Amino acid sequence: MKIGLVLPQTSQYDLRTDVVTVASGAEVLGYSSLWAYERTLFPLQPRDGAYGVPGLPWPDVYRSTAEPLTVLTLAAAATSVIRLGTCVLVAGLHQPQHLARTFATLDQATGGGRVTAGLGVGWSQDEFLAAGADFRSRGRSLEETLDAFQALWGADPVTYRDSRMRIDDAVVGPKPLGRIPVLIGGGSSAGALDRIARRADGWLATGVPAAVMGEQWKRICEAAIGHGRTEDAVGLTPLMHVAPTATAAGPDRVRFHGSVGQVVSDIAEMAEIGAGEGIVAITNAGSAKELLDKAAALITALDGQGLRDR
C-alpha cells in the first residue's frame, strides 16, 4: 500500500514555512502523496453536527483551515515528484469552471501526472449558505462538477451547460497535461456508493470500522462491474486520522490512536481490505518538526512490516 500524508493547514502551524518544510520532508521520507482538505468556516452555533452527525461538536481545530489548493501550490513549489491531492473539496461550494481550471493549472505547473482531485458532497449547511450554494442540491452539484471536468478538460471547442454554468462553442484552457484522477470521498448511502462505482477513479473512505468499510468496498466493486467498468477501475484510498503516542494505549483505545506499533496494525487492516493507498492525517502534532518526526516513525515502522508499496 502506498502512503500519503496530510499537510499542515491549521492555526498551530506557520504557513510561511511549515507547509514547505513538511512537503519537502515527506518527499525525502518516501511518502507517495501530499493532501489538503477543505473547511471554510467554523460556525459558533452550527446548523449541523460535525460530519453530519446530529449533536456532535465541531473539532476546535477547524477554527482556522488554510485554503487547500493554495496549500498544495506551496507544496508543489517545494517538491519534484510527490503527488498532490485534495481530501476533499466540497464540490457544491465551487464554480465548476474555476475549479477545473485551477486543477489543470496545477497539473501543468507540476509537469503532469502529479495531481488528484478528491471531491465530496459536503455536510455543513453553514458552509453552503456562506458560498451562496444550495445544500439540498449538493448531490447534483457533485455530479455536475464531474460532468464539467470531463467537458472542460476535453477537446476544444467546448459546448457545455448545467444548472450552474453555460459555455457555447469556446476554447477553454488550460488543459491538464494528462488525465487527472478524480476520487470521491465519504458515502454510506446506496446512492453515494453507486456514484463512486459509476464515476470515480477511487473512493476516499473514512470514519467507518474496517469491517464496514470492507463490506462497502465490496459493494462498490460489484456495482462498478455492473456499470460495465473493469474490476480495477476504482481504487480504495482510506483517510486515517492517526495519533501516534510514545506509549501503548489500553484496550479501549480509539482506532489509529496509540503506539506506533498499534497504529501500524490498524493501517495494516486497510491493506487487508484492499486499499492501494492510505492517507495519514497526524492529529496530535503541534509543530512541523513534531509532525515530520511522527511521520518518519510511521513510515519506518510500515517499512519494517513490509506494508509500504515503494
Protein backbone atom coordinates (compact mmCIF):
# COMPACT_ATOMS: atom_id res chain seq x y z
CA MET A 1 0.00 0.00 0.00
CA LYS A 2 1.28 3.46 -0.87
CA ILE A 3 1.18 6.02 1.94
CA GLY A 4 0.20 9.68 1.67
CA LEU A 5 0.39 12.47 4.25
CA VAL A 6 -1.98 15.35 5.02
CA LEU A 7 -0.22 18.73 5.03
CA PRO A 8 -0.36 21.28 7.87
CA GLN A 9 -3.23 23.73 7.40
CA THR A 10 -4.44 24.73 10.86
CA SER A 11 -3.63 27.59 13.19
CA GLN A 12 -0.84 25.93 15.20
CA TYR A 13 1.31 25.93 12.06
CA ASP A 14 3.17 28.82 10.39
CA LEU A 15 2.03 28.81 6.76
CA ARG A 16 5.10 30.85 5.75
CA THR A 17 7.40 27.90 6.46
CA ASP A 18 5.65 24.77 7.69
CA VAL A 19 3.89 23.64 4.50
CA VAL A 20 7.19 23.75 2.61
CA THR A 21 9.06 22.06 5.47
CA VAL A 22 6.59 19.18 5.74
CA ALA A 23 6.15 18.77 1.97
CA SER A 24 9.85 18.55 1.22
CA GLY A 25 10.47 16.37 4.28
CA ALA A 26 7.69 13.96 3.33
CA GLU A 27 9.12 13.56 -0.15
CA VAL A 28 12.53 12.70 1.30
CA LEU A 29 10.94 10.19 3.71
CA GLY A 30 9.31 8.36 0.83
CA TYR A 31 5.66 9.33 1.16
CA SER A 32 3.85 8.87 -2.13
CA SER A 33 1.47 11.83 -1.93
CA LEU A 34 0.54 15.03 -0.10
CA TRP A 35 -3.04 16.03 0.66
CA ALA A 36 -5.06 19.06 1.77
CA TYR A 37 -8.68 19.25 2.92
CA GLU A 38 -11.40 21.91 2.95
CA ARG A 39 -13.16 23.57 5.88
CA THR A 40 -14.34 27.08 5.03
CA LEU A 41 -15.61 28.37 8.38
CA PHE A 42 -16.35 27.50 12.00
CA PRO A 43 -19.95 28.31 13.00
CA LEU A 44 -20.32 29.10 16.69
CA GLN A 45 -23.88 27.77 16.59
CA PRO A 46 -23.71 25.22 13.77
CA ARG A 47 -26.80 24.03 11.94
CA ASP A 48 -25.27 20.56 11.66
CA GLY A 49 -23.19 18.39 13.93
CA ALA A 50 -19.67 17.62 12.78
CA TYR A 51 -19.55 15.27 9.76
CA GLY A 52 -23.36 15.39 9.68
CA VAL A 53 -23.72 13.55 13.00
CA PRO A 54 -26.51 15.28 14.97
CA GLY A 55 -25.20 16.99 18.10
CA LEU A 56 -21.53 16.12 17.51
CA PRO A 57 -19.37 19.19 18.33
CA TRP A 58 -17.10 20.54 15.61
CA PRO A 59 -13.41 19.90 16.38
CA ASP A 60 -11.80 23.09 17.62
CA VAL A 61 -9.01 22.65 15.07
CA TYR A 62 -11.49 23.68 12.35
CA ARG A 63 -11.50 27.27 13.64
CA SER A 64 -8.91 28.12 11.01
CA THR A 65 -8.14 25.94 7.98
CA ALA A 66 -5.96 27.25 5.16
CA GLU A 67 -7.35 27.09 1.61
CA PRO A 68 -6.37 23.66 0.24
CA LEU A 69 -5.39 24.43 -3.35
CA THR A 70 -3.15 27.26 -2.17
CA VAL A 71 -1.53 24.85 0.30
CA LEU A 72 -0.95 22.32 -2.49
CA THR A 73 0.61 25.03 -4.65
CA LEU A 74 3.07 25.84 -1.86
CA ALA A 75 3.87 22.14 -1.54
CA ALA A 76 4.30 21.78 -5.30
CA ALA A 77 6.92 24.52 -5.36
CA ALA A 78 8.99 22.69 -2.73
CA THR A 79 8.84 19.19 -4.25
CA SER A 80 9.54 17.47 -7.54
CA VAL A 81 7.82 14.07 -7.82
CA ILE A 82 5.41 13.51 -4.94
CA ARG A 83 1.72 13.54 -5.93
CA LEU A 84 -0.70 16.24 -4.74
CA GLY A 85 -4.38 15.78 -3.93
CA THR A 86 -7.44 17.10 -2.12
CA CYS A 87 -9.23 15.01 0.52
CA VAL A 88 -11.72 16.52 -0.05
CA LEU A 89 -13.05 19.64 -1.73
CA VAL A 90 -16.81 20.13 -1.37
CA ALA A 91 -17.94 20.31 -4.99
CA GLY A 92 -21.05 22.41 -4.37
CA LEU A 93 -19.02 25.25 -2.83
CA HIS A 94 -17.10 25.84 -6.08
CA GLN A 95 -17.93 27.18 -9.53
CA PRO A 96 -17.04 24.19 -11.75
CA GLN A 97 -15.14 26.05 -14.47
CA HIS A 98 -12.94 27.85 -11.95
CA LEU A 99 -12.23 24.58 -10.15
CA ALA A 100 -11.43 22.73 -13.39
CA ARG A 101 -9.04 25.48 -14.49
CA THR A 102 -7.32 25.54 -11.09
CA PHE A 103 -6.66 21.80 -11.11
CA ALA A 104 -5.47 21.95 -14.73
CA THR A 105 -3.14 24.84 -13.94
CA LEU A 106 -1.63 22.95 -11.01
CA ASP A 107 -1.22 19.88 -13.22
CA GLN A 108 0.62 21.88 -15.89
CA ALA A 109 2.77 23.71 -13.33
CA THR A 110 3.90 20.39 -11.80
CA GLY A 111 4.70 18.70 -15.10
CA GLY A 112 1.62 16.49 -15.35
CA GLY A 113 0.62 13.32 -13.58
CA ARG A 114 1.03 14.59 -10.03
CA VAL A 115 -2.46 15.97 -9.31
CA THR A 116 -5.52 14.15 -7.95
CA ALA A 117 -8.91 15.80 -7.44
CA GLY A 118 -10.72 14.48 -4.37
CA LEU A 119 -14.32 15.70 -4.12
CA GLY A 120 -17.26 15.25 -1.79
CA VAL A 121 -20.85 16.38 -1.35
CA GLY A 122 -20.30 18.13 2.00
CA TRP A 123 -22.29 18.01 5.23
CA SER A 124 -22.38 21.61 6.57
CA GLN A 125 -25.36 23.81 5.74
CA ASP A 126 -23.43 26.79 7.13
CA GLU A 127 -20.68 26.37 4.54
CA PHE A 128 -23.22 26.17 1.72
CA LEU A 129 -25.01 29.30 2.95
CA ALA A 130 -21.70 31.18 3.09
CA ALA A 131 -20.94 30.17 -0.51
CA GLY A 132 -24.42 31.09 -1.74
CA ALA A 133 -24.96 27.46 -2.72
CA ASP A 134 -27.96 25.13 -2.37
CA PHE A 135 -27.34 22.49 0.29
CA ARG A 136 -30.32 20.42 -0.89
CA SER A 137 -28.77 20.06 -4.36
CA ARG A 138 -25.30 19.04 -3.18
CA GLY A 139 -25.51 15.59 -4.77
CA ARG A 140 -26.47 17.07 -8.13
CA SER A 141 -23.70 19.67 -7.77
CA LEU A 142 -21.12 16.92 -7.40
CA GLU A 143 -22.45 15.08 -10.45
CA GLU A 144 -22.40 18.30 -12.48
CA THR A 145 -18.85 19.08 -11.38
CA LEU A 146 -17.76 15.67 -12.65
CA ASP A 147 -19.56 16.36 -15.95
CA ALA A 148 -17.91 19.78 -16.19
CA PHE A 149 -14.43 18.35 -15.58
CA GLN A 150 -14.95 15.84 -18.38
CA ALA A 151 -16.10 18.54 -20.81
CA LEU A 152 -13.65 21.30 -19.88
CA TRP A 153 -10.61 19.03 -19.76
CA GLY A 154 -11.59 17.52 -23.10
CA ALA A 155 -11.06 18.71 -26.65
CA ASP A 156 -11.86 22.24 -27.80
CA PRO A 157 -14.19 23.78 -28.75
CA VAL A 158 -16.29 23.15 -25.65
CA THR A 159 -20.07 23.37 -25.51
CA TYR A 160 -21.47 22.53 -22.11
CA ARG A 161 -24.26 23.57 -19.78
CA ASP A 162 -25.71 22.53 -16.45
CA SER A 163 -27.75 24.17 -13.70
CA ARG A 164 -24.88 26.50 -12.74
CA MET A 165 -22.96 27.29 -15.93
CA ARG A 166 -23.14 27.56 -19.71
CA ILE A 167 -20.38 27.51 -22.33
CA ASP A 168 -21.17 27.76 -26.05
CA ASP A 169 -18.54 26.76 -28.61
CA ALA A 170 -15.49 28.11 -26.78
CA VAL A 171 -11.82 27.35 -26.30
CA VAL A 172 -11.30 26.58 -22.60
CA GLY A 173 -7.87 26.36 -21.04
CA PRO A 174 -5.57 25.41 -19.64
CA LYS A 175 -5.94 21.68 -20.16
CA PRO A 176 -4.28 19.10 -17.93
CA LEU A 177 -1.15 17.58 -19.44
CA GLY A 178 -2.56 14.14 -18.69
CA ARG A 179 -5.59 12.61 -17.07
CA ILE A 180 -6.36 13.93 -13.57
CA PRO A 181 -7.80 11.11 -11.41
CA VAL A 182 -10.98 12.04 -9.55
CA LEU A 183 -11.71 10.44 -6.18
CA ILE A 184 -14.98 10.77 -4.28
CA GLY A 185 -14.99 10.94 -0.50
CA GLY A 186 -17.49 9.85 2.09
CA GLY A 187 -20.52 7.85 1.12
CA SER A 188 -22.57 5.34 3.05
CA SER A 189 -25.96 5.51 1.36
CA ALA A 190 -26.75 3.27 -1.59
CA GLY A 191 -26.83 6.29 -3.90
CA ALA A 192 -23.48 7.62 -2.74
CA LEU A 193 -21.78 4.25 -3.10
CA ASP A 194 -23.30 3.81 -6.55
CA ARG A 195 -22.00 7.24 -7.62
CA ILE A 196 -18.49 6.15 -6.64
CA ALA A 197 -18.93 2.92 -8.59
CA ARG A 198 -20.22 4.76 -11.67
CA ARG A 199 -18.00 7.80 -11.81
CA ALA A 200 -14.96 7.80 -9.54
CA ASP A 201 -11.40 6.63 -10.07
CA GLY A 202 -11.31 5.91 -6.35
CA TRP A 203 -13.11 6.03 -3.03
CA LEU A 204 -11.75 8.26 -0.25
CA ALA A 205 -13.13 6.32 2.70
CA THR A 206 -13.07 7.43 6.31
CA GLY A 207 -14.87 7.23 9.62
CA VAL A 208 -16.19 3.66 9.50
CA PRO A 209 -14.88 0.44 11.11
CA ALA A 210 -12.67 -1.76 8.95
CA ALA A 211 -15.33 -4.46 8.61
CA VAL A 212 -17.95 -1.95 7.46
CA MET A 213 -15.50 -0.33 5.05
CA GLY A 214 -14.70 -3.74 3.63
CA GLU A 215 -18.37 -4.53 3.02
CA GLN A 216 -19.00 -1.14 1.42
CA TRP A 217 -15.91 -1.55 -0.73
CA LYS A 218 -17.17 -4.93 -1.93
CA ARG A 219 -20.49 -3.33 -2.89
CA ILE A 220 -18.69 -0.57 -4.83
CA CYS A 221 -16.59 -3.10 -6.76
CA GLU A 222 -19.62 -5.21 -7.63
CA ALA A 223 -21.59 -2.14 -8.70
CA ALA A 224 -18.70 -0.88 -10.85
CA ILE A 225 -18.71 -4.16 -12.76
CA GLY A 226 -22.47 -3.86 -13.10
CA HIS A 227 -21.96 -0.46 -14.71
CA GLY A 228 -19.67 -2.00 -17.30
CA ARG A 229 -16.42 -0.95 -15.69
CA THR A 230 -13.43 -3.20 -15.08
CA GLU A 231 -12.73 -4.74 -11.68
CA ASP A 232 -9.76 -2.41 -11.07
CA ALA A 233 -11.40 0.78 -12.38
CA VAL A 234 -11.99 2.10 -8.84
CA GLY A 235 -9.33 2.18 -6.13
CA LEU A 236 -9.73 2.29 -2.35
CA THR A 237 -7.94 5.14 -0.55
CA PRO A 238 -8.78 5.33 3.17
CA LEU A 239 -8.13 8.57 5.05
CA MET A 240 -6.86 7.75 8.55
CA HIS A 241 -6.70 10.27 11.39
CA VAL A 242 -3.76 8.93 13.36
CA ALA A 243 -2.41 9.94 16.76
CA PRO A 244 0.82 8.03 17.46
CA THR A 245 1.98 8.20 21.09
CA ALA A 246 5.14 7.25 22.99
CA THR A 247 3.37 4.50 24.94
CA ALA A 248 0.78 1.90 24.03
CA ALA A 249 -2.88 2.68 24.60
CA GLY A 250 -5.18 0.43 26.60
CA PRO A 251 -7.84 -1.97 25.31
CA ASP A 252 -10.42 0.81 24.94
CA ARG A 253 -8.24 2.86 22.61
CA VAL A 254 -9.61 4.70 19.59
CA ARG A 255 -8.62 3.15 16.28
CA PHE A 256 -5.42 4.70 14.82
CA HIS A 257 -4.52 6.07 18.28
CA GLY A 258 -1.75 4.57 20.40
CA SER A 259 1.83 3.44 19.98
CA VAL A 260 3.38 3.40 16.52
CA GLY A 261 3.02 -0.37 16.54
CA GLN A 262 -0.69 -0.15 17.35
CA VAL A 263 -1.26 2.46 14.63
CA VAL A 264 0.64 0.38 12.08
CA SER A 265 -1.52 -2.62 12.98
CA ASP A 266 -4.63 -0.56 12.23
CA ILE A 267 -3.15 0.64 8.93
CA ALA A 268 -2.42 -2.99 8.04
CA GLU A 269 -6.17 -3.69 8.24
CA MET A 270 -6.71 -1.16 5.46
CA ALA A 271 -4.23 -3.00 3.25
CA GLU A 272 -6.01 -6.29 4.00
CA ILE A 273 -9.33 -4.80 2.84
CA GLY A 274 -7.73 -3.90 -0.47
CA ALA A 275 -6.54 -0.30 -0.15
CA GLY A 276 -3.98 0.65 -2.80
CA GLU A 277 -3.05 3.82 -0.94
CA GLY A 278 -3.70 5.11 2.56
CA ILE A 279 -3.59 8.73 3.67
CA VAL A 280 -2.46 9.55 7.20
CA ALA A 281 -3.53 12.78 8.89
CA ILE A 282 -1.39 13.14 12.01
CA THR A 283 -3.69 14.84 14.51
CA ASN A 284 -1.51 15.13 17.61
CA ALA A 285 1.40 17.22 16.31
CA GLY A 286 1.93 20.78 17.49
CA SER A 287 4.68 21.81 15.08
CA ALA A 288 6.13 20.94 11.70
CA LYS A 289 9.07 19.21 13.38
CA GLU A 290 6.81 17.04 15.52
CA LEU A 291 4.64 16.19 12.52
CA LEU A 292 7.67 15.11 10.50
CA ASP A 293 9.14 13.15 13.42
CA LYS A 294 5.89 11.19 13.78
CA ALA A 295 5.64 10.78 10.01
CA ALA A 296 9.18 9.37 9.93
CA ALA A 297 8.47 6.92 12.75
CA LEU A 298 5.31 5.71 11.00
CA ILE A 299 6.88 5.11 7.62
CA THR A 300 9.89 3.38 9.19
CA ALA A 301 7.55 1.04 11.07
CA LEU A 302 5.47 0.39 7.95
CA ASP A 303 8.61 -0.47 6.02
CA GLY A 304 9.68 -2.79 8.84
CA GLN A 305 6.41 -4.71 8.43
CA GLY A 306 6.68 -4.73 4.62
CA LEU A 307 3.43 -2.77 4.32
CA ARG A 308 4.56 0.14 2.16
CA ASP A 309 4.49 -0.09 -1.63
CA ARG A 310 7.52 1.84 -2.82
